[in-house]
């Protein structure tokens, strides 16, 4: 039994998939399969059962998973304790950003990081909030700026700011300047898939008011979604940051949703399973101080767009 085997097993077990674990670890699926199989041979126990949907833990696998997470956690703790003892700030800080934040904040945050921590490096990953929470729990990233859509196991969150969600329509569409949320049912929506935080938010608000949404199309990527809106295939529910990032700089009809408005809360998140290095702790503090001025500057652009 070695650390490579334990790390492979933990990722596969917690994600219930060799494919997803391989993508997160940056290894091939056959390589992970060999590691887990060798672990099973060494322990003379079947740890996982394969089925058509992925893998499930056996009783022996559940026992080993708890011990393995503790072992890997202790190793992470020892590594970070030694780094803190040396007082070093020359490691690598890994940050994940939700797409709406990445579009306006990446450049400034990297500049700020390089100025404050010239001996360290930064890795920026963009991903849906559901993926960012998963990456935090698995230790792939140190922190994330993501949508807070409710309780997320293994993740601590602190709210930074909120984003208002608008109904986005093609230019010149006959849509009022504001609509009550219950009236959303009258508009065919082009909306991201269920893993997307925006979809979760809109459906959550609609369900609380007993509103049955009219989902016309599911499109995960914003640029083609906006293309379809422009062509009149339906309407989108998006924050205006998504419109401001449109490379074609199109002018869409933006309608405020009321009674109630839909607010997406953006939070800075860290794992409660992996100890923070001194660099990561300092970098997260920097992010919190830097992100609000960036957001406030973005709000001025939004106000000008609504003009």
C-alpha atoms as a PDB file:
ATOM      1  CA  UNK A   1       0.000   0.000   0.000  1.00  0.00           C
ATOM      2  CA  UNK A   2       1.404   3.405  -1.027  1.00  0.00           C
ATOM      3  CA  UNK A   3       0.258   7.023  -1.233  1.00  0.00           C
ATOM      4  CA  UNK A   4      -0.381   6.909  -4.997  1.00  0.00           C
ATOM      5  CA  UNK A   5      -2.747   4.007  -4.472  1.00  0.00           C
ATOM      6  CA  UNK A   6      -4.541   5.714  -1.587  1.00  0.00           C
ATOM      7  CA  UNK A   7      -4.928   8.986  -3.494  1.00  0.00           C
ATOM      8  CA  UNK A   8      -6.321   7.162  -6.531  1.00  0.00           C
ATOM      9  CA  UNK A   9      -8.729   5.149  -4.381  1.00  0.00           C
ATOM     10  CA  UNK A  10     -10.005   8.207  -2.459  1.00  0.00           C
ATOM     11  CA  UNK A  11     -10.696  10.185  -5.630  1.00  0.00           C
ATOM     12  CA  UNK A  12     -12.465   7.292  -7.352  1.00  0.00           C
ATOM     13  CA  UNK A  13     -14.472   6.457  -4.222  1.00  0.00           C
ATOM     14  CA  UNK A  14     -15.633  10.028  -3.537  1.00  0.00           C
ATOM     15  CA  UNK A  15     -16.471  10.756  -7.188  1.00  0.00           C
ATOM     16  CA  UNK A  16     -17.959   7.286  -7.845  1.00  0.00           C
ATOM     17  CA  UNK A  17     -16.192   7.305 -11.195  1.00  0.00           C
ATOM     18  CA  UNK A  18     -12.795   6.360 -12.612  1.00  0.00           C
ATOM     19  CA  UNK A  19     -13.366   8.783 -15.498  1.00  0.00           C
ATOM     20  CA  UNK A  20     -14.003  11.830 -13.314  1.00  0.00           C
ATOM     21  CA  UNK A  21     -11.169  10.927 -10.937  1.00  0.00           C
ATOM     22  CA  UNK A  22      -8.764  10.580 -13.861  1.00  0.00           C
ATOM     23  CA  UNK A  23      -9.731  14.029 -15.154  1.00  0.00           C
ATOM     24  CA  UNK A  24      -9.159  15.667 -11.760  1.00  0.00           C
ATOM     25  CA  UNK A  25      -5.848  13.900 -11.105  1.00  0.00           C
ATOM     26  CA  UNK A  26      -4.552  14.415 -14.637  1.00  0.00           C
ATOM     27  CA  UNK A  27      -3.934  10.680 -15.122  1.00  0.00           C
ATOM     28  CA  UNK A  28      -5.318   8.074 -17.489  1.00  0.00           C
ATOM     29  CA  UNK A  29      -8.221   5.882 -16.467  1.00  0.00           C
ATOM     30  CA  UNK A  30      -6.246   2.628 -17.005  1.00  0.00           C
ATOM     31  CA  UNK A  31      -3.472   3.960 -14.740  1.00  0.00           C
ATOM     32  CA  UNK A  32      -5.985   4.656 -11.944  1.00  0.00           C
ATOM     33  CA  UNK A  33      -7.577   1.253 -12.433  1.00  0.00           C
ATOM     34  CA  UNK A  34      -4.180  -0.430 -12.027  1.00  0.00           C
ATOM     35  CA  UNK A  35      -3.441   1.506  -8.837  1.00  0.00           C
ATOM     36  CA  UNK A  36      -6.791   0.646  -7.248  1.00  0.00           C
ATOM     37  CA  UNK A  37      -6.588  -2.984  -8.354  1.00  0.00           C
ATOM     38  CA  UNK A  38      -3.081  -3.329  -6.899  1.00  0.00           C
ATOM     39  CA  UNK A  39      -4.369  -1.848  -3.629  1.00  0.00           C
ATOM     40  CA  UNK A  40      -7.132  -4.455  -3.580  1.00  0.00           C
ATOM     41  CA  UNK A  41      -4.584  -7.213  -4.241  1.00  0.00           C
ATOM     42  CA  UNK A  42      -2.275  -5.940  -1.486  1.00  0.00           C
ATOM     43  CA  UNK A  43      -5.139  -5.800   1.021  1.00  0.00           C
ATOM     44  CA  UNK A  44      -6.848  -8.952  -0.260  1.00  0.00           C
ATOM     45  CA  UNK A  45     -10.150  -7.088  -0.210  1.00  0.00           C
ATOM     46  CA  UNK A  46     -12.613  -5.922  -2.863  1.00  0.00           C
ATOM     47  CA  UNK A  47     -12.946  -2.178  -2.280  1.00  0.00           C
ATOM     48  CA  UNK A  48     -15.217  -1.142  -5.146  1.00  0.00           C
ATOM     49  CA  UNK A  49     -18.045  -2.661  -7.136  1.00  0.00           C
ATOM     50  CA  UNK A  50     -18.343  -1.565 -10.768  1.00  0.00           C
ATOM     51  CA  UNK A  51     -21.767  -0.979 -12.293  1.00  0.00           C
ATOM     52  CA  UNK A  52     -23.189   0.767 -15.347  1.00  0.00           C
ATOM     53  CA  UNK A  53     -23.260   4.149 -13.590  1.00  0.00           C
ATOM     54  CA  UNK A  54     -19.747   4.056 -12.111  1.00  0.00           C
ATOM     55  CA  UNK A  55     -18.537   2.457  -8.879  1.00  0.00           C
ATOM     56  CA  UNK A  56     -19.868   1.948  -5.356  1.00  0.00           C
ATOM     57  CA  UNK A  57     -17.946   1.156  -2.185  1.00  0.00           C
ATOM     58  CA  UNK A  58     -17.982  -2.246  -0.556  1.00  0.00           C
ATOM     59  CA  UNK A  59     -18.020  -2.446   3.244  1.00  0.00           C
ATOM     60  CA  UNK A  60     -14.227  -2.822   3.206  1.00  0.00           C
ATOM     61  CA  UNK A  61     -14.008   0.157   0.866  1.00  0.00           C
ATOM     62  CA  UNK A  62     -16.021   2.363   3.244  1.00  0.00           C
ATOM     63  CA  UNK A  63     -13.726   1.485   6.128  1.00  0.00           C
ATOM     64  CA  UNK A  64     -10.579   2.133   4.098  1.00  0.00           C
ATOM     65  CA  UNK A  65     -11.937   5.421   2.714  1.00  0.00           C
ATOM     66  CA  UNK A  66     -12.220   6.971   6.169  1.00  0.00           C
ATOM     67  CA  UNK A  67      -8.702   5.886   7.131  1.00  0.00           C
ATOM     68  CA  UNK A  68      -7.255   6.953   3.773  1.00  0.00           C
ATOM     69  CA  UNK A  69      -8.703  10.460   3.999  1.00  0.00           C
ATOM     70  CA  UNK A  70      -7.182  10.793   7.453  1.00  0.00           C
ATOM     71  CA  UNK A  71      -3.774   9.631   6.214  1.00  0.00           C
ATOM     72  CA  UNK A  72      -3.751  12.030   3.262  1.00  0.00           C
ATOM     73  CA  UNK A  73      -4.989  14.847   5.483  1.00  0.00           C
ATOM     74  CA  UNK A  74      -2.131  14.248   7.940  1.00  0.00           C
ATOM     75  CA  UNK A  75       0.418  14.280   5.120  1.00  0.00           C
ATOM     76  CA  UNK A  76      -0.971  17.579   3.813  1.00  0.00           C
ATOM     77  CA  UNK A  77      -0.830  18.963   7.343  1.00  0.00           C
ATOM     78  CA  UNK A  78       2.792  17.910   7.789  1.00  0.00           C
ATOM     79  CA  UNK A  79       3.796  19.456   4.473  1.00  0.00           C
ATOM     80  CA  UNK A  80       2.103  22.773   5.256  1.00  0.00           C
ATOM     81  CA  UNK A  81       3.473  22.824   8.809  1.00  0.00           C
ATOM     82  CA  UNK A  82       7.014  22.518   7.449  1.00  0.00           C
ATOM     83  CA  UNK A  83       6.379  25.285   4.940  1.00  0.00           C
ATOM     84  CA  UNK A  84       5.027  27.542   7.677  1.00  0.00           C
ATOM     85  CA  UNK A  85       8.024  26.734   9.885  1.00  0.00           C
ATOM     86  CA  UNK A  86      10.303  27.955   7.129  1.00  0.00           C
ATOM     87  CA  UNK A  87       8.138  31.045   6.676  1.00  0.00           C
ATOM     88  CA  UNK A  88       8.158  30.437   2.939  1.00  0.00           C
ATOM     89  CA  UNK A  89       5.768  32.153   0.548  1.00  0.00           C
ATOM     90  CA  UNK A  90       7.260  30.642  -2.580  1.00  0.00           C
ATOM     91  CA  UNK A  91       4.750  27.890  -3.235  1.00  0.00           C
ATOM     92  CA  UNK A  92       1.880  27.642  -5.692  1.00  0.00           C
ATOM     93  CA  UNK A  93      -1.559  29.083  -4.956  1.00  0.00           C
ATOM     94  CA  UNK A  94      -4.421  27.473  -6.856  1.00  0.00           C
ATOM     95  CA  UNK A  95      -7.612  29.508  -7.256  1.00  0.00           C
ATOM     96  CA  UNK A  96     -10.845  28.570  -9.031  1.00  0.00           C
ATOM     97  CA  UNK A  97     -13.169  31.203 -10.465  1.00  0.00           C
ATOM     98  CA  UNK A  98     -16.770  30.974 -11.624  1.00  0.00           C
ATOM     99  CA  UNK A  99     -17.015  32.088 -15.295  1.00  0.00           C
ATOM    100  CA  UNK A 100     -18.800  35.371 -14.534  1.00  0.00           C
ATOM    101  CA  UNK A 101     -15.972  36.363 -12.138  1.00  0.00           C
ATOM    102  CA  UNK A 102     -13.159  35.053 -14.336  1.00  0.00           C
ATOM    103  CA  UNK A 103     -14.256  37.342 -17.176  1.00  0.00           C
ATOM    104  CA  UNK A 104     -13.658  40.566 -15.264  1.00  0.00           C
ATOM    105  CA  UNK A 105     -11.293  39.667 -12.434  1.00  0.00           C
ATOM    106  CA  UNK A 106      -8.580  37.280 -13.640  1.00  0.00           C
ATOM    107  CA  UNK A 107      -6.125  39.850 -14.973  1.00  0.00           C
ATOM    108  CA  UNK A 108      -6.337  42.159 -11.949  1.00  0.00           C
ATOM    109  CA  UNK A 109      -6.147  39.307  -9.430  1.00  0.00           C
ATOM    110  CA  UNK A 110      -3.058  37.832 -11.083  1.00  0.00           C
ATOM    111  CA  UNK A 111      -1.406  41.279 -11.131  1.00  0.00           C
ATOM    112  CA  UNK A 112      -2.202  41.769  -7.437  1.00  0.00           C
ATOM    113  CA  UNK A 113      -0.907  38.326  -6.528  1.00  0.00           C
ATOM    114  CA  UNK A 114       2.382  38.799  -8.396  1.00  0.00           C
ATOM    115  CA  UNK A 115       2.960  42.146  -6.685  1.00  0.00           C
ATOM    116  CA  UNK A 116       2.336  40.826  -3.169  1.00  0.00           C
ATOM    117  CA  UNK A 117       3.968  37.405  -3.579  1.00  0.00           C
ATOM    118  CA  UNK A 118       6.754  37.769  -6.147  1.00  0.00           C
ATOM    119  CA  UNK A 119       8.420  34.475  -5.163  1.00  0.00           C
ATOM    120  CA  UNK A 120       5.211  32.447  -5.479  1.00  0.00           C
ATOM    121  CA  UNK A 121       3.185  31.241  -8.456  1.00  0.00           C
ATOM    122  CA  UNK A 122      -0.542  31.235  -9.088  1.00  0.00           C
ATOM    123  CA  UNK A 123      -2.732  28.819 -11.019  1.00  0.00           C
ATOM    124  CA  UNK A 124      -6.182  30.051 -12.088  1.00  0.00           C
ATOM    125  CA  UNK A 125      -8.868  27.544 -13.082  1.00  0.00           C
ATOM    126  CA  UNK A 126     -12.279  28.501 -14.457  1.00  0.00           C
ATOM    127  CA  UNK A 127     -15.219  26.207 -13.793  1.00  0.00           C
ATOM    128  CA  UNK A 128     -18.866  25.919 -12.875  1.00  0.00           C
ATOM    129  CA  UNK A 129     -19.540  26.406  -9.171  1.00  0.00           C
ATOM    130  CA  UNK A 130     -20.522  22.741  -8.766  1.00  0.00           C
ATOM    131  CA  UNK A 131     -17.116  21.710 -10.144  1.00  0.00           C
ATOM    132  CA  UNK A 132     -15.278  24.268  -8.008  1.00  0.00           C
ATOM    133  CA  UNK A 133     -16.867  22.864  -4.840  1.00  0.00           C
ATOM    134  CA  UNK A 134     -15.790  19.382  -5.928  1.00  0.00           C
ATOM    135  CA  UNK A 135     -12.235  20.523  -6.671  1.00  0.00           C
ATOM    136  CA  UNK A 136     -12.019  22.196  -3.243  1.00  0.00           C
ATOM    137  CA  UNK A 137     -13.180  19.069  -1.473  1.00  0.00           C
ATOM    138  CA  UNK A 138     -10.618  16.986  -3.330  1.00  0.00           C
ATOM    139  CA  UNK A 139      -7.765  19.463  -2.667  1.00  0.00           C
ATOM    140  CA  UNK A 140      -7.248  20.326  -6.339  1.00  0.00           C
ATOM    141  CA  UNK A 141      -7.582  24.061  -5.604  1.00  0.00           C
ATOM    142  CA  UNK A 142      -6.930  26.110  -2.456  1.00  0.00           C
ATOM    143  CA  UNK A 143      -9.839  28.539  -2.784  1.00  0.00           C
ATOM    144  CA  UNK A 144     -12.634  29.515  -5.133  1.00  0.00           C
ATOM    145  CA  UNK A 145     -14.898  32.437  -5.924  1.00  0.00           C
ATOM    146  CA  UNK A 146     -18.212  30.782  -6.732  1.00  0.00           C
ATOM    147  CA  UNK A 147     -21.983  31.033  -6.484  1.00  0.00           C
ATOM    148  CA  UNK A 148     -23.447  30.109  -3.113  1.00  0.00           C
ATOM    149  CA  UNK A 149     -26.489  28.004  -3.975  1.00  0.00           C
ATOM    150  CA  UNK A 150     -26.949  26.457  -0.545  1.00  0.00           C
ATOM    151  CA  UNK A 151     -25.258  23.997   1.778  1.00  0.00           C
ATOM    152  CA  UNK A 152     -22.108  22.523   0.233  1.00  0.00           C
ATOM    153  CA  UNK A 153     -20.495  19.642   2.173  1.00  0.00           C
ATOM    154  CA  UNK A 154     -16.800  19.982   3.036  1.00  0.00           C
ATOM    155  CA  UNK A 155     -16.662  23.648   1.936  1.00  0.00           C
ATOM    156  CA  UNK A 156     -16.610  26.870   3.981  1.00  0.00           C
ATOM    157  CA  UNK A 157     -18.020  29.993   2.297  1.00  0.00           C
ATOM    158  CA  UNK A 158     -18.037  33.718   3.039  1.00  0.00           C
ATOM    159  CA  UNK A 159     -20.258  35.982   0.967  1.00  0.00           C
ATOM    160  CA  UNK A 160     -18.532  38.634  -1.131  1.00  0.00           C
ATOM    161  CA  UNK A 161     -21.270  40.254  -3.232  1.00  0.00           C
ATOM    162  CA  UNK A 162     -24.480  39.472  -5.098  1.00  0.00           C
ATOM    163  CA  UNK A 163     -25.346  39.538  -8.788  1.00  0.00           C
ATOM    164  CA  UNK A 164     -28.825  40.370 -10.042  1.00  0.00           C
ATOM    165  CA  UNK A 165     -30.262  38.013 -12.652  1.00  0.00           C
ATOM    166  CA  UNK A 166     -32.084  39.648 -15.583  1.00  0.00           C
ATOM    167  CA  UNK A 167     -34.317  38.332 -18.343  1.00  0.00           C
ATOM    168  CA  UNK A 168     -32.282  38.797 -21.525  1.00  0.00           C
ATOM    169  CA  UNK A 169     -34.160  39.137 -24.818  1.00  0.00           C
ATOM    170  CA  UNK A 170     -33.260  39.884 -28.434  1.00  0.00           C
ATOM    171  CA  UNK A 171     -32.801  43.564 -29.323  1.00  0.00           C
ATOM    172  CA  UNK A 172     -36.137  45.263 -29.937  1.00  0.00           C
ATOM    173  CA  UNK A 173     -38.162  42.506 -28.252  1.00  0.00           C
ATOM    174  CA  UNK A 174     -41.600  43.547 -26.994  1.00  0.00           C
ATOM    175  CA  UNK A 175     -40.833  42.948 -23.326  1.00  0.00           C
ATOM    176  CA  UNK A 176     -41.611  45.383 -20.468  1.00  0.00           C
ATOM    177  CA  UNK A 177     -38.837  47.038 -18.478  1.00  0.00           C
ATOM    178  CA  UNK A 178     -39.632  44.797 -15.499  1.00  0.00           C
ATOM    179  CA  UNK A 179     -41.686  41.650 -14.891  1.00  0.00           C
ATOM    180  CA  UNK A 180     -42.815  39.870 -11.709  1.00  0.00           C
ATOM    181  CA  UNK A 181     -41.084  36.535 -11.230  1.00  0.00           C
ATOM    182  CA  UNK A 182     -44.344  34.537 -11.639  1.00  0.00           C
ATOM    183  CA  UNK A 183     -44.606  35.921 -15.182  1.00  0.00           C
ATOM    184  CA  UNK A 184     -41.403  34.105 -16.181  1.00  0.00           C
ATOM    185  CA  UNK A 185     -43.603  31.132 -17.086  1.00  0.00           C
ATOM    186  CA  UNK A 186     -44.777  33.078 -20.146  1.00  0.00           C
ATOM    187  CA  UNK A 187     -41.251  33.315 -21.611  1.00  0.00           C
ATOM    188  CA  UNK A 188     -39.510  30.353 -23.286  1.00  0.00           C
ATOM    189  CA  UNK A 189     -36.089  30.167 -21.643  1.00  0.00           C
ATOM    190  CA  UNK A 190     -32.736  29.220 -23.106  1.00  0.00           C
ATOM    191  CA  UNK A 191     -30.910  28.209 -19.963  1.00  0.00           C
ATOM    192  CA  UNK A 192     -27.803  26.267 -18.881  1.00  0.00           C
ATOM    193  CA  UNK A 193     -27.989  22.630 -17.766  1.00  0.00           C
ATOM    194  CA  UNK A 194     -28.740  21.530 -14.231  1.00  0.00           C
ATOM    195  CA  UNK A 195     -25.106  21.557 -13.050  1.00  0.00           C
ATOM    196  CA  UNK A 196     -24.906  25.314 -13.689  1.00  0.00           C
ATOM    197  CA  UNK A 197     -25.405  27.607 -10.674  1.00  0.00           C
ATOM    198  CA  UNK A 198     -27.557  30.052 -12.680  1.00  0.00           C
ATOM    199  CA  UNK A 199     -29.968  27.242 -13.521  1.00  0.00           C
ATOM    200  CA  UNK A 200     -30.074  26.219  -9.861  1.00  0.00           C
ATOM    201  CA  UNK A 201     -30.805  29.785  -8.733  1.00  0.00           C
ATOM    202  CA  UNK A 202     -33.568  30.441 -11.232  1.00  0.00           C
ATOM    203  CA  UNK A 203     -35.284  27.109 -10.544  1.00  0.00           C
ATOM    204  CA  UNK A 204     -34.951  27.590  -6.781  1.00  0.00           C
ATOM    205  CA  UNK A 205     -36.631  31.017  -6.883  1.00  0.00           C
ATOM    206  CA  UNK A 206     -39.323  29.726  -9.259  1.00  0.00           C
ATOM    207  CA  UNK A 207     -40.054  26.661  -7.112  1.00  0.00           C
ATOM    208  CA  UNK A 208     -40.456  28.804  -3.990  1.00  0.00           C
ATOM    209  CA  UNK A 209     -43.259  30.724  -5.811  1.00  0.00           C
ATOM    210  CA  UNK A 210     -44.793  27.644  -7.421  1.00  0.00           C
ATOM    211  CA  UNK A 211     -43.776  28.827 -10.905  1.00  0.00           C
ATOM    212  CA  UNK A 212     -43.403  26.236 -13.677  1.00  0.00           C
ATOM    213  CA  UNK A 213     -40.655  27.472 -16.000  1.00  0.00           C
ATOM    214  CA  UNK A 214     -40.895  27.060 -19.754  1.00  0.00           C
ATOM    215  CA  UNK A 215     -37.482  25.590 -20.688  1.00  0.00           C
ATOM    216  CA  UNK A 216     -37.102  25.851 -24.464  1.00  0.00           C
ATOM    217  CA  UNK A 217     -33.408  24.921 -24.806  1.00  0.00           C
ATOM    218  CA  UNK A 218     -30.496  23.916 -22.559  1.00  0.00           C
ATOM    219  CA  UNK A 219     -27.207  25.547 -23.605  1.00  0.00           C
ATOM    220  CA  UNK A 220     -24.253  25.576 -21.197  1.00  0.00           C
ATOM    221  CA  UNK A 221     -21.921  28.006 -23.007  1.00  0.00           C
ATOM    222  CA  UNK A 222     -22.879  31.698 -22.873  1.00  0.00           C
ATOM    223  CA  UNK A 223     -21.779  32.829 -26.390  1.00  0.00           C
ATOM    224  CA  UNK A 224     -23.973  30.327 -28.316  1.00  0.00           C
ATOM    225  CA  UNK A 225     -26.761  30.916 -25.793  1.00  0.00           C
ATOM    226  CA  UNK A 226     -26.689  34.627 -26.647  1.00  0.00           C
ATOM    227  CA  UNK A 227     -26.596  33.793 -30.362  1.00  0.00           C
ATOM    228  CA  UNK A 228     -29.858  31.878 -29.978  1.00  0.00           C
ATOM    229  CA  UNK A 229     -31.408  34.708 -27.966  1.00  0.00           C
ATOM    230  CA  UNK A 230     -30.446  37.177 -30.703  1.00  0.00           C
ATOM    231  CA  UNK A 231     -32.105  34.950 -33.301  1.00  0.00           C
ATOM    232  CA  UNK A 232     -35.339  34.877 -31.303  1.00  0.00           C
ATOM    233  CA  UNK A 233     -35.303  31.253 -30.130  1.00  0.00           C
ATOM    234  CA  UNK A 234     -36.106  32.330 -26.581  1.00  0.00           C
ATOM    235  CA  UNK A 235     -34.944  34.397 -23.626  1.00  0.00           C
ATOM    236  CA  UNK A 236     -32.042  33.945 -21.190  1.00  0.00           C
ATOM    237  CA  UNK A 237     -31.793  34.446 -17.431  1.00  0.00           C
ATOM    238  CA  UNK A 238     -28.277  35.779 -16.782  1.00  0.00           C
ATOM    239  CA  UNK A 239     -26.324  38.366 -14.787  1.00  0.00           C
ATOM    240  CA  UNK A 240     -25.351  41.380 -16.849  1.00  0.00           C
ATOM    241  CA  UNK A 241     -21.677  40.466 -16.421  1.00  0.00           C
ATOM    242  CA  UNK A 242     -22.345  37.778 -19.020  1.00  0.00           C
ATOM    243  CA  UNK A 243     -23.610  40.409 -21.469  1.00  0.00           C
ATOM    244  CA  UNK A 244     -20.716  42.793 -20.841  1.00  0.00           C
ATOM    245  CA  UNK A 245     -18.296  39.966 -21.669  1.00  0.00           C
ATOM    246  CA  UNK A 246     -19.952  39.334 -25.049  1.00  0.00           C
ATOM    247  CA  UNK A 247     -17.093  39.572 -27.613  1.00  0.00           C
ATOM    248  CA  UNK A 248     -19.512  40.958 -30.206  1.00  0.00           C
ATOM    249  CA  UNK A 249     -20.648  43.709 -27.818  1.00  0.00           C
ATOM    250  CA  UNK A 250     -24.306  43.294 -28.761  1.00  0.00           C
ATOM    251  CA  UNK A 251     -27.103  45.291 -27.146  1.00  0.00           C
ATOM    252  CA  UNK A 252     -29.782  43.021 -25.743  1.00  0.00           C
ATOM    253  CA  UNK A 253     -33.103  43.873 -24.161  1.00  0.00           C
ATOM    254  CA  UNK A 254     -32.559  43.494 -20.387  1.00  0.00           C
ATOM    255  CA  UNK A 255     -35.625  43.175 -18.180  1.00  0.00           C
ATOM    256  CA  UNK A 256     -35.473  43.382 -14.405  1.00  0.00           C
ATOM    257  CA  UNK A 257     -37.182  40.492 -12.583  1.00  0.00           C
ATOM    258  CA  UNK A 258     -39.181  41.608  -9.527  1.00  0.00           C
ATOM    259  CA  UNK A 259     -41.464  40.255  -6.787  1.00  0.00           C
ATOM    260  CA  UNK A 260     -38.881  38.985  -5.909  1.00  0.00           C
ATOM    261  CA  UNK A 261     -35.703  39.781  -7.791  1.00  0.00           C
ATOM    262  CA  UNK A 262     -33.320  36.900  -8.349  1.00  0.00           C
ATOM    263  CA  UNK A 263     -29.988  37.485  -6.610  1.00  0.00           C
ATOM    264  CA  UNK A 264     -27.000  35.214  -7.081  1.00  0.00           C
ATOM    265  CA  UNK A 265     -24.718  35.358  -4.043  1.00  0.00           C
ATOM    266  CA  UNK A 266     -21.020  35.141  -4.858  1.00  0.00           C
ATOM    267  CA  UNK A 267     -18.802  33.724  -2.105  1.00  0.00           C
ATOM    268  CA  UNK A 268     -15.167  32.984  -1.475  1.00  0.00           C
ATOM    269  CA  UNK A 269     -14.867  29.319  -0.555  1.00  0.00           C
ATOM    270  CA  UNK A 270     -12.197  27.120   1.018  1.00  0.00           C
ATOM    271  CA  UNK A 271     -12.100  23.460   1.981  1.00  0.00           C
ATOM    272  CA  UNK A 272     -12.626  22.431   5.585  1.00  0.00           C
ATOM    273  CA  UNK A 273     -10.852  19.128   4.893  1.00  0.00           C
ATOM    274  CA  UNK A 274      -7.452  20.399   3.757  1.00  0.00           C
ATOM    275  CA  UNK A 275      -5.231  22.684   5.877  1.00  0.00           C
ATOM    276  CA  UNK A 276      -4.384  26.041   4.330  1.00  0.00           C
ATOM    277  CA  UNK A 277      -0.748  26.889   3.698  1.00  0.00           C
ATOM    278  CA  UNK A 278       0.569  30.241   4.864  1.00  0.00           C
ATOM    279  CA  UNK A 279       0.676  31.376   1.238  1.00  0.00           C
ATOM    280  CA  UNK A 280      -2.929  30.310   0.616  1.00  0.00           C
ATOM    281  CA  UNK A 281      -4.141  32.048   3.781  1.00  0.00           C
ATOM    282  CA  UNK A 282      -2.449  35.303   2.781  1.00  0.00           C
ATOM    283  CA  UNK A 283      -3.597  35.004  -0.834  1.00  0.00           C
ATOM    284  CA  UNK A 284      -7.233  34.471   0.184  1.00  0.00           C
ATOM    285  CA  UNK A 285      -7.077  37.617   2.326  1.00  0.00           C
ATOM    286  CA  UNK A 286      -5.707  39.492  -0.681  1.00  0.00           C
ATOM    287  CA  UNK A 287      -8.544  38.191  -2.870  1.00  0.00           C
ATOM    288  CA  UNK A 288     -11.157  39.409  -0.428  1.00  0.00           C
ATOM    289  CA  UNK A 289      -9.658  42.900  -0.351  1.00  0.00           C
ATOM    290  CA  UNK A 290      -9.153  43.111  -4.128  1.00  0.00           C
ATOM    291  CA  UNK A 291     -12.404  41.657  -5.454  1.00  0.00           C
ATOM    292  CA  UNK A 292     -14.816  44.314  -4.132  1.00  0.00           C
ATOM    293  CA  UNK A 293     -13.202  47.264  -5.968  1.00  0.00           C
ATOM    294  CA  UNK A 294     -13.267  45.165  -9.155  1.00  0.00           C
ATOM    295  CA  UNK A 295     -16.929  44.342  -8.604  1.00  0.00           C
ATOM    296  CA  UNK A 296     -17.852  47.967  -7.887  1.00  0.00           C
ATOM    297  CA  UNK A 297     -16.093  49.087 -11.082  1.00  0.00           C
ATOM    298  CA  UNK A 298     -18.017  46.429 -12.980  1.00  0.00           C
ATOM    299  CA  UNK A 299     -21.278  47.723 -11.524  1.00  0.00           C
ATOM    300  CA  UNK A 300     -20.637  51.126 -13.088  1.00  0.00           C
ATOM    301  CA  UNK A 301     -20.396  49.454 -16.484  1.00  0.00           C
ATOM    302  CA  UNK A 302     -23.638  47.599 -15.798  1.00  0.00           C
ATOM    303  CA  UNK A 303     -25.426  50.843 -14.853  1.00  0.00           C
ATOM    304  CA  UNK A 304     -24.143  52.432 -18.069  1.00  0.00           C
ATOM    305  CA  UNK A 305     -25.383  49.439 -20.105  1.00  0.00           C
ATOM    306  CA  UNK A 306     -28.866  49.746 -18.603  1.00  0.00           C
ATOM    307  CA  UNK A 307     -28.550  53.534 -19.095  1.00  0.00           C
END
